[in-house]
Amino acid sequence: MMNLKSFKIGVSSFLIILFLMALGHVLMVLTEKIFVEQKYIGALLIGLLGFVLLIIGVKKNKSKSTATILGLLAGVLVWTGWVEFSFVWIAEKLSVPPLIENGEIATKPEYLVMLSSIGLLLT
C-alpha cells in the first residue's frame, strides 16, 4: 500500500512537469514570434541547450539533486526545441492548412500533424 509521503512526491512531481511543459510551450511560442523566419535556428539552439544541460547533469555533476533538476530542464528544452518544432516543420513542409471554424483558426497545422504520431505513442 502506498504511503502518504510517496503519494505527495508523486503528485508534486506530476505538477512540476505539468507546469514546466507549459513554460516550454511559452518558450516555443516566443521563439516563433521573435525569430519568425529563423524559428528553426531558435529551435535548434533550444534543443542544443537542453542537450548541453543533460551532459552537464550526467557527466560533470556530483549532486543527485542538481543532476535531477538539470535533467528535468534538459528534457523540457529538448522536447520543446526538437520534438515540438518538428511538428511545425512537418506541417509547413506538407502545407497543412489550419483548421478554420467560423472564420477563425481553431487549431494550428502542427496540432493536426501531431495526431499522426499516435502510432509512435502506441509503440
Protein backbone atom coordinates (compact mmCIF):
# COMPACT_ATOMS: atom_id res chain seq x y z
CA MET A 1 0.00 0.00 0.00
CA MET A 2 1.27 3.46 -0.89
CA ASN A 3 2.11 5.74 2.00
CA LEU A 4 1.26 9.42 2.14
CA LYS A 5 4.85 10.57 1.57
CA SER A 6 5.13 8.61 -1.70
CA PHE A 7 1.78 10.00 -2.83
CA LYS A 8 2.87 13.59 -2.12
CA ILE A 9 6.14 13.08 -4.00
CA GLY A 10 4.29 11.61 -6.97
CA VAL A 11 1.71 14.41 -7.12
CA SER A 12 4.31 17.15 -6.71
CA SER A 13 6.49 15.57 -9.44
CA PHE A 14 3.50 15.46 -11.78
CA LEU A 15 2.65 19.11 -11.10
CA ILE A 16 6.25 20.25 -11.62
CA ILE A 17 6.36 18.51 -15.01
CA LEU A 18 2.94 19.86 -15.93
CA PHE A 19 3.96 23.46 -15.23
CA LEU A 20 7.39 23.12 -16.84
CA MET A 21 5.83 21.77 -20.03
CA ALA A 22 3.58 24.84 -20.08
CA LEU A 23 6.66 27.04 -19.76
CA GLY A 24 8.28 25.05 -22.57
CA HIS A 25 5.27 25.80 -24.75
CA VAL A 26 5.54 29.50 -23.88
CA LEU A 27 9.19 29.33 -24.96
CA MET A 28 8.09 27.76 -28.24
CA VAL A 29 5.54 30.49 -28.95
CA LEU A 30 8.06 33.21 -28.06
CA THR A 31 10.60 31.62 -30.39
CA GLU A 32 8.05 31.64 -33.22
CA LYS A 33 7.18 35.30 -32.55
CA ILE A 34 10.72 36.61 -32.02
CA PHE A 35 12.67 34.63 -34.62
CA VAL A 36 9.86 34.39 -37.25
CA GLU A 37 11.83 33.26 -40.33
CA GLN A 38 14.70 31.82 -38.26
CA LYS A 39 12.46 29.92 -35.83
CA TYR A 40 14.12 26.61 -36.68
CA ILE A 41 17.51 28.02 -35.77
CA GLY A 42 15.98 29.10 -32.46
CA ALA A 43 14.50 25.61 -32.04
CA LEU A 44 17.86 24.02 -32.78
CA LEU A 45 19.51 26.23 -30.15
CA ILE A 46 16.82 25.45 -27.56
CA GLY A 47 17.32 21.71 -28.07
CA LEU A 48 21.08 22.11 -28.06
CA LEU A 49 20.93 23.98 -24.74
CA GLY A 50 18.88 21.12 -23.34
CA PHE A 51 21.42 18.59 -24.61
CA VAL A 52 24.28 20.55 -23.00
CA LEU A 53 22.38 20.67 -19.69
CA LEU A 54 21.88 16.91 -19.91
CA ILE A 55 25.59 16.30 -20.45
CA ILE A 56 26.47 18.61 -17.55
CA GLY A 57 23.95 16.85 -15.31
CA VAL A 58 25.19 13.38 -16.20
CA LYS A 59 28.95 13.85 -16.54
CA LYS A 60 30.03 16.92 -14.59
CA ASN A 61 27.75 16.88 -11.57
CA LYS A 62 28.20 15.04 -8.29
CA SER A 63 24.95 16.17 -6.63
CA LYS A 64 21.95 13.98 -7.42
CA SER A 65 19.54 16.83 -6.76
CA THR A 66 21.28 19.20 -9.15
CA ALA A 67 21.63 16.46 -11.75
CA THR A 68 17.90 15.74 -11.47
CA ILE A 69 16.98 19.40 -11.96
CA LEU A 70 19.37 19.72 -14.91
CA GLY A 71 17.91 16.56 -16.43
CA LEU A 72 14.38 17.87 -15.98
CA LEU A 73 15.22 21.18 -17.65
CA ALA A 74 17.15 19.33 -20.37
CA GLY A 75 14.15 17.15 -21.12
CA VAL A 76 11.80 20.11 -21.42
CA LEU A 77 14.21 22.04 -23.66
CA VAL A 78 14.98 19.08 -25.93
CA TRP A 79 11.27 18.27 -26.20
CA THR A 80 10.38 21.88 -26.96
CA GLY A 81 13.21 22.56 -29.39
CA TRP A 82 13.49 19.30 -31.26
CA VAL A 83 10.18 17.47 -30.91
CA GLU A 84 7.52 20.18 -30.82
CA PHE A 85 9.18 22.19 -33.57
CA SER A 86 9.41 19.05 -35.71
CA PHE A 87 5.60 19.09 -35.89
CA VAL A 88 5.72 22.73 -37.03
CA TRP A 89 8.31 21.87 -39.67
CA ILE A 90 6.37 18.85 -40.99
CA ALA A 91 3.14 20.86 -41.13
CA GLU A 92 4.87 23.58 -43.15
CA LYS A 93 6.66 21.06 -45.36
CA LEU A 94 3.38 19.29 -46.18
CA SER A 95 1.46 22.60 -46.48
CA VAL A 96 -1.10 21.52 -43.91
CA PRO A 97 -3.70 24.28 -43.52
CA PRO A 98 -5.01 25.28 -40.09
CA LEU A 99 -8.46 24.12 -39.04
CA ILE A 100 -10.79 27.07 -39.55
CA GLU A 101 -14.13 27.36 -37.73
CA ASN A 102 -16.37 30.40 -38.08
CA GLY A 103 -13.61 32.25 -39.93
CA GLU A 104 -11.08 31.84 -37.10
CA ILE A 105 -8.17 29.46 -36.63
CA ALA A 106 -9.42 26.73 -34.30
CA THR A 107 -6.32 24.53 -34.48
CA LYS A 108 -2.85 25.28 -35.81
CA PRO A 109 -1.43 22.95 -38.51
CA GLU A 110 1.19 21.42 -36.20
CA TYR A 111 -1.55 20.13 -33.88
CA LEU A 112 -3.24 18.43 -36.82
CA VAL A 113 0.06 16.78 -37.77
CA MET A 114 0.59 15.73 -34.16
CA LEU A 115 -2.39 13.36 -34.48
CA SER A 116 -0.34 11.26 -36.89
CA SER A 117 2.13 10.42 -34.10
CA ILE A 118 -0.40 8.10 -32.42
CA GLY A 119 1.40 5.08 -33.91
CA LEU A 120 4.63 6.17 -32.27
CA LEU A 121 2.83 6.67 -28.98
CA LEU A 122 1.28 3.22 -29.12
CA THR A 123 4.62 1.67 -30.00
